[in-house]
Amino acid sequence: MGRLVSIVEYREKRFMTGSAPDLRTIKKLIDECEIVGRKIGKKYYIEVDDYYRECSPIERDILHHG
């Protein structure tokens, strides 16, 4: 597992002002396994060391079927 950062910090450091996606979009990308992250409680975090990694089929099944 990579280092976790909040989606707010990720958005501020990854995108230029005015070009950053909405926080809801980032949450959706995590939920759909488009970027590597996790939800802890009610907060979302990005694994910054490997946010380009794709989910394996097993991870995708767990995420979508509980």
N, C-alpha and C. Protein backbone atom coordinates (compact mmCIF):
# COMPACT_ATOMS: atom_id res chain seq x y z
N MET A 1 0.84 -1.17 0.00
CA MET A 1 0.00 0.00 0.00
C MET A 1 0.89 1.24 0.00
N GLY A 2 0.47 2.23 -0.76
CA GLY A 2 1.20 3.48 -0.83
C GLY A 2 0.82 4.42 0.29
N ARG A 3 1.46 5.55 0.30
CA ARG A 3 1.18 6.60 1.28
C ARG A 3 -0.19 7.19 0.98
N LEU A 4 -1.01 7.38 2.01
CA LEU A 4 -2.35 7.92 1.83
C LEU A 4 -2.35 9.43 2.03
N VAL A 5 -3.02 10.14 1.13
CA VAL A 5 -3.25 11.57 1.30
C VAL A 5 -4.73 11.83 1.06
N SER A 6 -5.25 12.86 1.69
CA SER A 6 -6.66 13.19 1.51
C SER A 6 -6.92 13.60 0.06
N ILE A 7 -8.16 13.44 -0.38
CA ILE A 7 -8.46 13.81 -1.76
C ILE A 7 -8.34 15.31 -1.97
N VAL A 8 -8.52 16.09 -0.91
CA VAL A 8 -8.36 17.54 -1.02
C VAL A 8 -6.89 17.87 -1.29
N GLU A 9 -5.99 17.27 -0.52
CA GLU A 9 -4.55 17.50 -0.72
C GLU A 9 -4.10 17.00 -2.09
N TYR A 10 -4.58 15.83 -2.47
CA TYR A 10 -4.25 15.26 -3.78
C TYR A 10 -4.66 16.22 -4.89
N ARG A 11 -5.87 16.73 -4.81
CA ARG A 11 -6.39 17.63 -5.85
C ARG A 11 -5.57 18.92 -5.91
N GLU A 12 -5.22 19.46 -4.75
CA GLU A 12 -4.44 20.71 -4.71
C GLU A 12 -3.05 20.54 -5.32
N LYS A 13 -2.42 19.40 -5.07
CA LYS A 13 -1.04 19.20 -5.53
C LYS A 13 -0.96 18.64 -6.94
N ARG A 14 -1.99 17.93 -7.38
CA ARG A 14 -1.95 17.24 -8.68
C ARG A 14 -2.42 18.12 -9.83
N PHE A 15 -3.32 19.07 -9.56
CA PHE A 15 -3.94 19.85 -10.63
C PHE A 15 -3.67 21.34 -10.45
N MET A 16 -3.62 22.04 -11.58
CA MET A 16 -3.47 23.49 -11.54
C MET A 16 -4.80 24.11 -11.14
N THR A 17 -4.75 25.28 -10.55
CA THR A 17 -5.96 26.00 -10.16
C THR A 17 -6.88 26.16 -11.36
N GLY A 18 -8.13 25.83 -11.16
CA GLY A 18 -9.12 25.96 -12.22
C GLY A 18 -9.28 24.72 -13.09
N SER A 19 -8.36 23.77 -12.98
CA SER A 19 -8.47 22.56 -13.80
C SER A 19 -8.75 21.31 -12.98
N ALA A 20 -8.84 21.46 -11.68
CA ALA A 20 -9.05 20.30 -10.80
C ALA A 20 -10.48 19.78 -10.90
N PRO A 21 -10.64 18.45 -10.88
CA PRO A 21 -11.99 17.89 -10.89
C PRO A 21 -12.68 18.12 -9.55
N ASP A 22 -13.98 18.02 -9.58
CA ASP A 22 -14.78 18.15 -8.37
C ASP A 22 -14.46 16.99 -7.43
N LEU A 23 -14.60 17.21 -6.13
CA LEU A 23 -14.33 16.14 -5.16
C LEU A 23 -15.24 14.94 -5.40
N ARG A 24 -16.47 15.18 -5.83
CA ARG A 24 -17.39 14.06 -6.13
C ARG A 24 -16.84 13.20 -7.26
N THR A 25 -16.20 13.83 -8.22
CA THR A 25 -15.60 13.09 -9.34
C THR A 25 -14.46 12.21 -8.84
N ILE A 26 -13.63 12.74 -7.97
CA ILE A 26 -12.51 11.96 -7.43
C ILE A 26 -13.05 10.79 -6.61
N LYS A 27 -14.08 11.02 -5.81
CA LYS A 27 -14.68 9.93 -5.03
C LYS A 27 -15.23 8.85 -5.95
N LYS A 28 -15.87 9.26 -7.03
CA LYS A 28 -16.43 8.30 -7.99
C LYS A 28 -15.31 7.49 -8.64
N LEU A 29 -14.21 8.14 -8.99
CA LEU A 29 -13.07 7.45 -9.60
C LEU A 29 -12.47 6.41 -8.64
N ILE A 30 -12.45 6.72 -7.36
CA ILE A 30 -11.99 5.75 -6.36
C ILE A 30 -12.97 4.59 -6.28
N ASP A 31 -14.26 4.91 -6.17
CA ASP A 31 -15.29 3.86 -6.07
C ASP A 31 -15.30 2.94 -7.28
N GLU A 32 -15.01 3.49 -8.45
CA GLU A 32 -15.01 2.71 -9.69
C GLU A 32 -13.63 2.11 -10.00
N CYS A 33 -12.70 2.30 -9.07
CA CYS A 33 -11.36 1.71 -9.19
C CYS A 33 -10.56 2.27 -10.37
N GLU A 34 -10.86 3.50 -10.75
CA GLU A 34 -10.10 4.16 -11.82
C GLU A 34 -8.79 4.73 -11.27
N ILE A 35 -8.81 5.15 -10.01
CA ILE A 35 -7.59 5.55 -9.31
C ILE A 35 -7.55 4.79 -7.99
N VAL A 36 -6.36 4.52 -7.51
CA VAL A 36 -6.20 3.71 -6.30
C VAL A 36 -6.37 4.59 -5.08
N GLY A 37 -7.32 4.23 -4.27
CA GLY A 37 -7.59 4.95 -3.05
C GLY A 37 -8.48 4.12 -2.16
N ARG A 38 -8.93 4.72 -1.10
CA ARG A 38 -9.80 4.00 -0.18
C ARG A 38 -10.64 4.96 0.62
N LYS A 39 -11.74 4.45 1.10
CA LYS A 39 -12.63 5.21 1.97
C LYS A 39 -12.40 4.68 3.38
N ILE A 40 -12.07 5.58 4.29
CA ILE A 40 -11.89 5.23 5.69
C ILE A 40 -12.89 6.06 6.47
N GLY A 41 -13.87 5.40 7.04
CA GLY A 41 -14.98 6.12 7.66
C GLY A 41 -15.75 6.84 6.58
N LYS A 42 -15.86 8.15 6.70
CA LYS A 42 -16.55 8.95 5.69
C LYS A 42 -15.60 9.70 4.78
N LYS A 43 -14.29 9.52 4.99
CA LYS A 43 -13.30 10.27 4.21
C LYS A 43 -12.63 9.39 3.17
N TYR A 44 -12.27 10.02 2.06
CA TYR A 44 -11.58 9.33 0.97
C TYR A 44 -10.12 9.74 0.93
N TYR A 45 -9.27 8.78 0.59
CA TYR A 45 -7.84 9.01 0.49
C TYR A 45 -7.31 8.40 -0.80
N ILE A 46 -6.25 8.98 -1.33
CA ILE A 46 -5.57 8.48 -2.52
C ILE A 46 -4.26 7.83 -2.08
N GLU A 47 -3.95 6.67 -2.66
CA GLU A 47 -2.64 6.05 -2.45
C GLU A 47 -1.70 6.66 -3.48
N VAL A 48 -0.91 7.63 -3.07
CA VAL A 48 -0.13 8.43 -4.01
C VAL A 48 1.03 7.70 -4.65
N ASP A 49 1.52 6.65 -4.06
CA ASP A 49 2.66 5.95 -4.64
C ASP A 49 2.28 5.12 -5.85
N ASP A 50 0.98 4.82 -6.00
CA ASP A 50 0.58 3.98 -7.12
C ASP A 50 -0.82 4.31 -7.62
N TYR A 51 -1.12 5.60 -7.78
CA TYR A 51 -2.48 5.96 -8.18
C TYR A 51 -2.77 5.66 -9.64
N TYR A 52 -1.78 5.21 -10.42
CA TYR A 52 -2.05 4.80 -11.79
C TYR A 52 -2.31 3.29 -11.90
N ARG A 53 -2.09 2.56 -10.83
CA ARG A 53 -2.28 1.11 -10.85
C ARG A 53 -3.76 0.79 -11.05
N GLU A 54 -4.03 -0.24 -11.83
CA GLU A 54 -5.41 -0.67 -12.04
C GLU A 54 -5.77 -1.71 -11.00
N CYS A 55 -7.05 -1.81 -10.69
CA CYS A 55 -7.52 -2.83 -9.76
C CYS A 55 -7.52 -4.18 -10.45
N SER A 56 -7.23 -5.20 -9.67
CA SER A 56 -7.33 -6.56 -10.18
C SER A 56 -8.80 -6.95 -10.24
N PRO A 57 -9.15 -7.98 -10.98
CA PRO A 57 -10.56 -8.42 -11.02
C PRO A 57 -11.11 -8.76 -9.64
N ILE A 58 -10.28 -9.33 -8.77
CA ILE A 58 -10.73 -9.65 -7.41
C ILE A 58 -11.04 -8.38 -6.65
N GLU A 59 -10.16 -7.38 -6.72
CA GLU A 59 -10.41 -6.10 -6.05
C GLU A 59 -11.69 -5.46 -6.57
N ARG A 60 -11.89 -5.50 -7.88
CA ARG A 60 -13.08 -4.90 -8.48
C ARG A 60 -14.35 -5.60 -7.97
N ASP A 61 -14.33 -6.94 -7.87
CA ASP A 61 -15.48 -7.68 -7.35
C ASP A 61 -15.78 -7.30 -5.91
N ILE A 62 -14.73 -7.19 -5.10
CA ILE A 62 -14.91 -6.83 -3.69
C ILE A 62 -15.49 -5.43 -3.58
N LEU A 63 -14.97 -4.49 -4.36
CA LEU A 63 -15.45 -3.12 -4.31
C LEU A 63 -16.90 -2.99 -4.75
N HIS A 64 -17.30 -3.77 -5.73
CA HIS A 64 -18.64 -3.61 -6.29
C HIS A 64 -19.68 -4.55 -5.70
N HIS A 65 -19.23 -5.59 -4.98
CA HIS A 65 -20.19 -6.54 -4.44
C HIS A 65 -20.07 -6.73 -2.93
N GLY A 66 -19.26 -5.89 -2.30
CA GLY A 66 -19.13 -5.91 -0.86
C GLY A 66 -18.40 -7.09 -0.37
